[in-house]
Amino acid sequence: MDIPASQGLNPFEIAQRQLDMAAEVMGLDPTTHQLLRWPMREFHVRIPVKMDDGSTRIFDGYRVQYNDARGPTKGGIRFHPEGTINTIRALAAWMTWKCAMLDLPLGGAMGGVLCNPKELSPGELERLSRGYIRALGHYVGPASDVAAPDVYTTPQIMAWMMDEYETMLGRHAPGVITGKPTPLGGSQGRMDATARGGAYCIREAARSVGMNLGGATVAIQGYGNAGRYMHKLLVEMFDAKVVAVSDSRGGIYCPNGLDFERVLAHKLDTGTVVGYACCNECREITNAALLELDVDVLVPAALEGVIRSHNAPHIKAKIIAELADGPTTPNADAILQQKGVYVIPDFLCNAGGVTVSYFEQVQNAYGYYWDNALVHQRLEHKMMVAFYDAHDTAQRYHTSNRIAAYLIAVARVAEACALRGWI
């Protein structure tokens, strides 16, 4: 599902550097700049969990509430063995800009637990999920900080967390968590929302560069929820040809195109896409090789820091759609900009997930739920407005799409901070 970043990468330093670049372009005043470079608050917790063998294991957990000037903070919870506080800080920062870019009345947050969920039984996973909320339940809620799924967390885990919070509170409060199962107040359209929002962006980017997506070749690094739905949607919506996909164990390449249903069945059966073959031309490839394939569209949908200065010169895709958070380093960005690659930045491209999560909050608040068609219609509208805001700003300032998105998002957060009298 995930492609771990190599050692030595500090995602938060990358997030800060990206902000610094935007601040210089927009002439952001030094006080506001310093306020926005760091989280407003963060929590470090220790979570004791009774294991199935009778022992007790202690897990480290985090929650970073980066900035709440525009509204309650919002962000995922990931269960991952390689997470660090700097990863969580970076993701919380990017979520802040993501919510502002989509003009949602929310701030940014992120949480996580250092664990390998693949090694935990369902009972241990439930006890860990409930323990995380017990440790942080007094600092989150529908009006303060709303969580959602992220890497290796699921609607079932969200259901356990919501139930634990409601037990602490003594009443129903479904809005504390989004990405819930639909019988518990989850929204229609949430499962594929991240990929669907990204697909809308790819469609508009293709129009901008004069690319016909019908038959266009696509490589997807990362075959978790977002990556697999992107495979499905690009074929169904645009008749694109997905020729390569990968997960943490490696990838597969077939120049004739990969059938979504068959690849997914193989993944669910074996736990990996590796080993799938549909014809004599199918072959296994590494994650590194996938990034450098001669394709029209590259979709990094795994973890941060996979496109760097050493491989950016070898990327041949005309469009990069960043479905993952932080897949491209600033040095690589400069190279891609020089090469003329159209990069759809992460906190625009993958914002469909938080947008439909916001829709879920709205539906929870007034107890009336929308059908798939209405969710898709409203998601497409939000994504299109944001896409052309960034695209037009990039053209106006002769800068990259990423810096353009930062100019918009940072200005909105800075304005909210100033109006509150914080600056």
Protein backbone atom coordinates (compact mmCIF):
# COMPACT_ATOMS: atom_id res chain seq x y z
CA MET A 1 0.00 0.00 0.00
CA ASP A 2 2.73 2.44 0.98
CA ILE A 3 6.16 3.25 -0.27
CA PRO A 4 8.22 4.33 2.77
CA ALA A 5 10.39 7.38 2.32
CA SER A 6 14.07 6.64 2.71
CA GLN A 7 15.86 7.59 5.88
CA GLY A 8 16.98 11.16 6.39
CA LEU A 9 13.94 12.88 4.92
CA ASN A 10 12.27 15.41 7.22
CA PRO A 11 8.82 16.07 5.73
CA PHE A 12 8.18 19.00 8.05
CA GLU A 13 11.30 20.79 6.86
CA ILE A 14 9.98 20.34 3.33
CA ALA A 15 6.58 21.76 4.33
CA GLN A 16 8.29 24.73 5.98
CA ARG A 17 10.50 25.31 2.96
CA GLN A 18 7.50 25.31 0.65
CA LEU A 19 5.80 27.87 2.89
CA ASP A 20 8.97 29.98 2.96
CA MET A 21 9.08 30.07 -0.84
CA ALA A 22 5.45 31.19 -1.03
CA ALA A 23 5.93 33.74 1.74
CA GLU A 24 8.76 35.34 -0.22
CA VAL A 25 6.69 35.56 -3.40
CA MET A 26 3.67 37.06 -1.66
CA GLY A 27 5.62 39.32 0.69
CA LEU A 28 4.10 37.79 3.80
CA ASP A 29 4.88 39.81 6.91
CA PRO A 30 7.49 38.16 9.20
CA THR A 31 5.20 37.74 12.22
CA THR A 32 2.49 35.94 10.28
CA HIS A 33 5.16 33.89 8.54
CA GLN A 34 6.59 32.70 11.86
CA LEU A 35 3.14 31.90 13.22
CA LEU A 36 2.32 29.75 10.21
CA ARG A 37 5.64 27.87 10.20
CA TRP A 38 4.77 25.88 13.33
CA PRO A 39 1.78 24.03 14.79
CA MET A 40 -0.32 25.91 17.28
CA ARG A 41 -0.49 22.86 19.54
CA GLU A 42 0.42 19.21 19.57
CA PHE A 43 -0.19 16.23 21.85
CA HIS A 44 2.10 13.28 22.55
CA VAL A 45 0.40 10.36 24.29
CA ARG A 46 1.30 6.88 25.51
CA ILE A 47 -1.35 4.23 24.92
CA PRO A 48 -1.24 0.99 26.95
CA VAL A 49 -2.95 -1.87 25.13
CA LYS A 50 -3.73 -5.33 26.49
CA MET A 51 -2.52 -7.81 23.88
CA ASP A 52 -4.16 -11.12 23.08
CA ASP A 53 -1.41 -13.07 24.88
CA GLY A 54 -2.13 -11.23 28.15
CA SER A 55 0.84 -8.87 27.97
CA THR A 56 0.54 -5.08 27.83
CA ARG A 57 2.25 -3.10 25.09
CA ILE A 58 2.78 0.66 25.09
CA PHE A 59 2.22 2.57 21.84
CA ASP A 60 3.23 6.16 21.05
CA GLY A 61 0.50 8.37 19.64
CA TYR A 62 0.33 11.94 18.36
CA ARG A 63 -2.17 14.61 17.41
CA VAL A 64 -1.06 17.91 15.87
CA GLN A 65 -3.56 20.75 15.55
CA TYR A 66 -1.71 23.04 13.19
CA ASN A 67 -3.95 26.08 12.80
CA ASP A 68 -7.62 26.66 13.64
CA ALA A 69 -8.05 30.29 12.52
CA ARG A 70 -10.56 29.29 9.80
CA GLY A 71 -12.49 26.74 11.87
CA PRO A 72 -12.19 23.43 13.72
CA THR A 73 -9.11 21.50 12.74
CA LYS A 74 -9.55 18.50 10.46
CA GLY A 75 -7.21 15.68 9.57
CA GLY A 76 -6.56 11.98 9.40
CA ILE A 77 -5.16 9.40 11.76
CA ARG A 78 -2.58 6.99 10.39
CA PHE A 79 -1.36 3.75 11.93
CA HIS A 80 2.15 3.24 10.57
CA PRO A 81 5.40 1.80 11.94
CA GLU A 82 7.62 4.46 10.32
CA GLY A 83 5.75 7.59 11.35
CA THR A 84 7.50 10.43 13.18
CA ILE A 85 6.29 13.60 14.81
CA ASN A 86 7.79 15.56 11.91
CA THR A 87 5.73 13.52 9.46
CA ILE A 88 2.59 14.29 11.49
CA ARG A 89 3.49 17.99 11.65
CA ALA A 90 4.00 18.13 7.90
CA LEU A 91 0.72 16.40 7.19
CA ALA A 92 -1.10 18.76 9.57
CA ALA A 93 0.46 21.74 7.79
CA TRP A 94 -0.53 20.41 4.36
CA MET A 95 -4.05 19.76 5.65
CA THR A 96 -4.25 23.39 6.78
CA TRP A 97 -3.37 24.58 3.27
CA LYS A 98 -5.62 21.95 1.71
CA CYS A 99 -8.71 23.11 3.59
CA ALA A 100 -7.91 26.74 2.78
CA MET A 101 -7.26 25.93 -0.89
CA LEU A 102 -10.73 24.34 -1.16
CA ASP A 103 -12.18 27.25 0.87
CA LEU A 104 -13.54 24.94 3.57
CA PRO A 105 -14.32 26.49 6.99
CA LEU A 106 -11.74 24.25 8.66
CA GLY A 107 -8.19 24.26 9.91
CA GLY A 108 -5.62 21.49 9.61
CA ALA A 109 -4.65 18.64 11.91
CA MET A 110 -3.12 15.17 11.75
CA GLY A 111 -2.67 12.26 14.10
CA GLY A 112 -1.01 8.92 14.22
CA VAL A 113 0.10 5.90 16.19
CA LEU A 114 3.46 4.19 15.75
CA CYS A 115 2.43 0.61 15.06
CA ASN A 116 2.23 -2.03 12.37
CA PRO A 117 -1.49 -2.79 12.09
CA LYS A 118 -0.72 -5.84 9.94
CA GLU A 119 0.76 -7.46 13.06
CA LEU A 120 -2.26 -6.73 15.27
CA SER A 121 -5.34 -8.89 15.68
CA PRO A 122 -8.78 -7.31 15.21
CA GLY A 123 -9.22 -7.22 19.00
CA GLU A 124 -5.84 -5.57 19.55
CA LEU A 125 -6.57 -3.06 16.79
CA GLU A 126 -9.89 -2.16 18.40
CA ARG A 127 -8.32 -1.70 21.83
CA LEU A 128 -5.59 0.48 20.33
CA SER A 129 -8.16 2.61 18.45
CA ARG A 130 -10.26 3.12 21.57
CA GLY A 131 -7.14 3.85 23.64
CA TYR A 132 -6.09 6.58 21.23
CA ILE A 133 -9.43 8.35 21.62
CA ARG A 134 -9.44 7.91 25.41
CA ALA A 135 -6.05 9.62 25.52
CA LEU A 136 -7.16 12.55 23.34
CA GLY A 137 -10.92 12.68 23.75
CA HIS A 138 -10.89 15.85 25.85
CA TYR A 139 -9.08 17.75 23.10
CA VAL A 140 -11.12 16.73 20.05
CA GLY A 141 -14.77 17.05 19.01
CA PRO A 142 -17.11 18.27 16.26
CA ALA A 143 -16.47 21.91 17.17
CA SER A 144 -12.74 21.64 17.83
CA ASP A 145 -10.91 18.84 15.97
CA VAL A 146 -12.39 16.20 13.66
CA ALA A 147 -10.48 13.05 12.69
CA ALA A 148 -10.68 10.86 9.60
CA PRO A 149 -9.00 7.76 8.12
CA ASP A 150 -5.52 7.87 6.67
CA VAL A 151 -2.83 5.27 6.00
CA TYR A 152 -3.83 1.86 7.40
CA THR A 153 -6.94 3.15 9.15
CA THR A 154 -10.41 2.16 7.98
CA PRO A 155 -14.11 2.99 8.39
CA GLN A 156 -14.29 0.26 11.04
CA ILE A 157 -11.49 1.91 13.03
CA MET A 158 -13.34 5.23 12.72
CA ALA A 159 -16.49 3.52 14.05
CA TRP A 160 -14.66 2.25 17.13
CA MET A 161 -13.18 5.70 17.75
CA MET A 162 -16.53 7.42 17.38
CA ASP A 163 -18.15 4.95 19.75
CA GLU A 164 -15.42 5.47 22.34
CA TYR A 165 -15.79 9.25 22.12
CA GLU A 166 -19.58 9.04 22.47
CA THR A 167 -19.13 6.73 25.49
CA MET A 168 -16.89 9.37 27.11
CA LEU A 169 -19.33 12.13 26.22
CA GLY A 170 -22.51 10.27 27.16
CA ARG A 171 -24.40 11.20 23.99
CA HIS A 172 -24.32 10.86 20.22
CA ALA A 173 -21.72 13.01 18.45
CA PRO A 174 -21.14 11.45 15.02
CA GLY A 175 -19.43 14.59 13.74
CA VAL A 176 -16.29 13.85 15.78
CA ILE A 177 -15.14 11.43 13.08
CA THR A 178 -15.56 11.34 9.32
CA GLY A 179 -14.96 8.43 7.00
CA LYS A 180 -17.35 6.36 9.10
CA PRO A 181 -19.45 3.48 7.77
CA THR A 182 -22.63 4.88 6.19
CA PRO A 183 -24.96 3.18 8.74
CA LEU A 184 -23.24 5.27 11.44
CA GLY A 185 -23.52 8.61 9.63
CA GLY A 186 -20.84 8.24 6.98
CA SER A 187 -21.32 10.04 3.68
CA GLN A 188 -22.05 8.47 0.35
CA GLY A 189 -19.13 8.97 -2.01
CA ARG A 190 -16.46 9.03 0.71
CA MET A 191 -14.60 5.85 -0.25
CA ASP A 192 -13.49 7.08 -3.67
CA ALA A 193 -13.52 10.81 -2.88
CA THR A 194 -9.75 11.33 -2.84
CA ALA A 195 -9.31 9.57 -6.17
CA ARG A 196 -12.39 11.16 -7.72
CA GLY A 197 -11.24 14.66 -6.81
CA GLY A 198 -7.84 13.85 -8.28
CA ALA A 199 -9.45 12.47 -11.43
CA TYR A 200 -11.33 15.74 -11.95
CA CYS A 201 -7.99 17.57 -11.64
CA ILE A 202 -6.30 15.24 -14.13
CA ARG A 203 -9.12 15.89 -16.59
CA GLU A 204 -8.61 19.65 -16.38
CA ALA A 205 -4.82 19.37 -16.46
CA ALA A 206 -5.07 17.26 -19.63
CA ARG A 207 -7.21 19.96 -21.22
CA SER A 208 -4.64 22.58 -20.21
CA VAL A 209 -1.76 20.73 -21.89
CA GLY A 210 -3.79 19.50 -24.87
CA MET A 211 -3.75 15.83 -23.90
CA ASN A 212 -6.51 13.40 -24.88
CA LEU A 213 -7.05 11.10 -21.90
CA GLY A 214 -8.69 8.45 -24.07
CA GLY A 215 -5.95 5.86 -24.36
CA ALA A 216 -3.46 7.97 -22.38
CA THR A 217 -1.02 5.82 -20.40
CA VAL A 218 -0.93 6.04 -16.60
CA ALA A 219 1.35 4.68 -13.86
CA ILE A 220 0.15 4.62 -10.24
CA GLN A 221 2.61 4.21 -7.37
CA GLY A 222 0.71 3.00 -4.32
CA TYR A 223 -2.30 0.69 -4.52
CA GLY A 224 -4.13 1.51 -1.33
CA ASN A 225 -7.60 3.01 -1.22
CA ALA A 226 -6.75 6.13 -3.23
CA GLY A 227 -4.51 4.41 -5.77
CA ARG A 228 -6.85 1.56 -6.58
CA TYR A 229 -9.85 3.87 -6.96
CA MET A 230 -7.79 6.10 -9.23
CA HIS A 231 -7.13 3.06 -11.43
CA LYS A 232 -10.85 2.33 -11.58
CA LEU A 233 -11.98 5.89 -12.22
CA LEU A 234 -9.44 6.81 -14.89
CA VAL A 235 -10.52 3.80 -16.95
CA GLU A 236 -14.26 4.27 -16.36
CA MET A 237 -14.41 8.05 -16.73
CA PHE A 238 -11.84 8.71 -19.46
CA ASP A 239 -10.93 5.36 -21.03
CA ALA A 240 -7.31 5.91 -19.98
CA LYS A 241 -4.92 2.96 -19.98
CA VAL A 242 -3.30 2.16 -16.62
CA VAL A 243 -0.10 0.30 -17.54
CA ALA A 244 1.65 0.10 -14.15
CA VAL A 245 0.72 -0.08 -10.48
CA SER A 246 2.71 -0.85 -7.34
CA ASP A 247 2.55 -1.35 -3.59
CA SER A 248 5.15 -1.74 -0.84
CA ARG A 249 6.39 -5.07 -2.24
CA GLY A 250 6.94 -3.89 -5.80
CA GLY A 251 5.07 -3.22 -9.01
CA ILE A 252 3.75 -4.67 -12.24
CA TYR A 253 3.89 -3.26 -15.76
CA CYS A 254 1.90 -4.26 -18.82
CA PRO A 255 2.00 -2.07 -21.96
CA ASN A 256 -1.40 -3.46 -23.01
CA GLY A 257 -3.06 -2.05 -19.89
CA LEU A 258 -4.05 -3.58 -16.56
CA ASP A 259 -7.62 -4.72 -15.89
CA PHE A 260 -8.81 -3.14 -12.65
CA GLU A 261 -11.04 -5.96 -11.42
CA ARG A 262 -8.41 -8.63 -12.05
CA VAL A 263 -5.57 -6.67 -10.45
CA LEU A 264 -7.71 -5.86 -7.41
CA ALA A 265 -8.77 -9.50 -7.03
CA HIS A 266 -5.10 -10.54 -7.11
CA LYS A 267 -4.20 -7.85 -4.56
CA LEU A 268 -6.98 -8.90 -2.19
CA ASP A 269 -6.09 -12.57 -2.58
CA THR A 270 -2.32 -12.28 -2.14
CA GLY A 271 -1.85 -8.96 -0.32
CA THR A 272 0.18 -7.48 -3.17
CA VAL A 273 -0.01 -6.63 -6.85
CA VAL A 274 3.30 -8.43 -7.39
CA GLY A 275 2.86 -11.70 -9.20
CA TYR A 276 -0.09 -10.58 -11.30
CA ALA A 277 0.22 -11.46 -14.98
CA CYS A 278 -2.34 -11.23 -17.77
CA CYS A 279 -0.11 -11.81 -20.82
CA ASN A 280 3.43 -12.51 -21.89
CA GLU A 281 4.27 -8.80 -21.87
CA CYS A 282 3.50 -8.34 -18.16
CA ARG A 283 6.56 -7.97 -15.99
CA GLU A 284 7.47 -6.97 -12.47
CA ILE A 285 9.13 -3.62 -11.85
CA THR A 286 10.44 -1.75 -8.83
CA ASN A 287 8.77 1.28 -7.34
CA ALA A 288 11.72 3.38 -8.43
CA ALA A 289 11.41 2.16 -12.03
CA LEU A 290 7.68 2.86 -12.08
CA LEU A 291 8.31 6.55 -11.47
CA GLU A 292 10.50 6.77 -14.56
CA LEU A 293 8.22 4.92 -17.02
CA ASP A 294 7.43 6.58 -20.34
CA VAL A 295 3.78 7.37 -19.54
CA ASP A 296 1.49 10.35 -20.03
CA VAL A 297 0.31 10.60 -16.42
CA LEU A 298 2.15 9.62 -13.24
CA VAL A 299 0.17 9.28 -10.01
CA PRO A 300 2.27 9.04 -6.83
CA ALA A 301 -0.30 7.71 -4.36
CA ALA A 302 1.93 6.31 -1.62
CA LEU A 303 3.93 8.23 0.99
CA GLU A 304 5.98 11.39 0.99
CA GLY A 305 9.37 12.07 -0.57
CA VAL A 306 9.46 9.62 -3.48
CA ILE A 307 10.25 12.17 -6.22
CA ARG A 308 13.61 13.78 -5.51
CA SER A 309 16.45 15.51 -7.30
CA HIS A 310 18.10 12.20 -8.25
CA ASN A 311 15.08 10.80 -10.14
CA ALA A 312 13.18 13.94 -11.22
CA PRO A 313 15.40 14.40 -14.32
CA HIS A 314 14.40 10.92 -15.50
CA ILE A 315 10.63 11.32 -15.12
CA LYS A 316 8.96 11.24 -18.52
CA ALA A 317 5.31 11.86 -17.59
CA LYS A 318 3.68 15.02 -18.90
CA ILE A 319 1.32 15.29 -15.90
CA ILE A 320 2.07 14.36 -12.29
CA ALA A 321 -1.03 14.06 -10.12
CA GLU A 322 0.04 14.01 -6.48
CA LEU A 323 -2.50 11.79 -4.78
CA ALA A 324 -0.12 11.28 -1.85
CA ASP A 325 0.87 14.02 0.59
CA GLY A 326 4.31 15.48 -0.03
CA PRO A 327 5.61 13.08 -2.69
CA THR A 328 7.87 15.72 -4.31
CA THR A 329 10.75 17.56 -2.66
CA PRO A 330 11.41 21.25 -3.40
CA ASN A 331 14.60 20.45 -5.35
CA ALA A 332 12.67 17.99 -7.50
CA ASP A 333 9.93 20.58 -7.98
CA ALA A 334 12.41 22.98 -9.54
CA ILE A 335 13.60 20.28 -11.94
CA LEU A 336 10.07 19.31 -12.97
CA GLN A 337 9.16 22.97 -13.48
CA GLN A 338 12.16 23.40 -15.77
CA LYS A 339 11.20 20.26 -17.70
CA GLY A 340 7.68 21.62 -18.27
CA VAL A 341 5.89 18.84 -16.36
CA TYR A 342 2.39 19.84 -15.28
CA VAL A 343 2.34 19.05 -11.55
CA ILE A 344 -1.02 19.00 -9.77
CA PRO A 345 0.15 19.70 -6.20
CA ASP A 346 -0.85 17.38 -3.38
CA PHE A 347 -3.04 19.67 -1.33
CA LEU A 348 -5.11 20.40 -4.43
CA CYS A 349 -5.01 17.02 -6.16
CA ASN A 350 -5.90 14.90 -3.12
CA ALA A 351 -8.33 17.35 -1.53
CA GLY A 352 -11.39 15.36 -2.59
CA GLY A 353 -11.12 13.28 0.57
CA VAL A 354 -11.27 16.18 3.01
CA THR A 355 -13.94 17.89 0.91
CA VAL A 356 -16.31 14.94 1.17
CA SER A 357 -15.33 14.60 4.83
CA TYR A 358 -16.51 18.18 5.24
CA PHE A 359 -19.72 17.21 3.47
CA GLU A 360 -20.07 14.39 6.01
CA GLN A 361 -19.68 16.88 8.87
CA VAL A 362 -22.40 19.04 7.35
CA GLN A 363 -24.75 16.06 6.95
CA ASN A 364 -24.06 14.91 10.51
CA ALA A 365 -24.81 18.39 11.82
CA TYR A 366 -28.30 18.61 10.36
CA GLY A 367 -29.18 14.94 10.12
CA TYR A 368 -30.04 14.85 6.42
CA TYR A 369 -27.97 12.76 4.03
CA TRP A 370 -27.22 13.18 0.33
CA ASP A 371 -27.12 10.59 -2.41
CA ASN A 372 -24.02 9.78 -4.47
CA ALA A 373 -25.06 11.99 -7.37
CA LEU A 374 -25.34 15.08 -5.17
CA VAL A 375 -22.02 14.35 -3.42
CA HIS A 376 -20.27 13.95 -6.79
CA GLN A 377 -21.85 17.12 -8.16
CA ARG A 378 -20.77 19.22 -5.19
CA LEU A 379 -17.32 17.67 -5.08
CA GLU A 380 -16.72 18.36 -8.76
CA HIS A 381 -17.76 22.00 -8.31
CA LYS A 382 -15.39 22.53 -5.37
CA MET A 383 -12.49 20.82 -7.14
CA MET A 384 -12.97 22.77 -10.36
CA VAL A 385 -13.09 26.13 -8.62
CA ALA A 386 -9.92 25.29 -6.69
CA PHE A 387 -8.12 23.86 -9.74
CA TYR A 388 -8.63 26.97 -11.85
CA ASP A 389 -7.85 29.27 -8.92
CA ALA A 390 -4.43 27.61 -8.73
CA HIS A 391 -3.95 27.27 -12.49
CA ASP A 392 -4.80 30.91 -13.20
CA THR A 393 -2.66 32.14 -10.29
CA ALA A 394 0.31 30.16 -11.61
CA GLN A 395 -0.11 31.76 -15.02
CA ARG A 396 -0.48 35.23 -13.55
CA TYR A 397 2.62 35.00 -11.33
CA HIS A 398 4.66 32.85 -13.74
CA THR A 399 5.25 30.33 -11.00
CA SER A 400 4.63 26.66 -10.34
CA ASN A 401 1.20 25.27 -9.57
CA ARG A 402 2.39 24.38 -6.07
CA ILE A 403 3.53 27.89 -5.22
CA ALA A 404 0.32 29.23 -6.75
CA ALA A 405 -1.74 26.97 -4.49
CA TYR A 406 0.30 28.12 -1.50
CA LEU A 407 -0.27 31.78 -2.40
CA ILE A 408 -4.02 31.22 -2.29
CA ALA A 409 -4.14 29.02 0.80
CA VAL A 410 -1.66 30.97 2.92
CA ALA A 411 -3.37 34.27 2.12
CA ARG A 412 -6.70 32.86 3.33
CA VAL A 413 -5.25 31.53 6.59
CA ALA A 414 -3.25 34.72 7.17
CA GLU A 415 -6.37 36.83 6.65
CA ALA A 416 -8.27 34.77 9.22
CA CYS A 417 -5.43 35.13 11.74
CA ALA A 418 -5.38 38.91 11.21
CA LEU A 419 -9.16 39.27 11.50
CA ARG A 420 -9.04 37.40 14.82
CA GLY A 421 -6.42 39.84 16.08
CA TRP A 422 -3.71 37.20 16.42
CA ILE A 423 -1.35 39.26 14.29
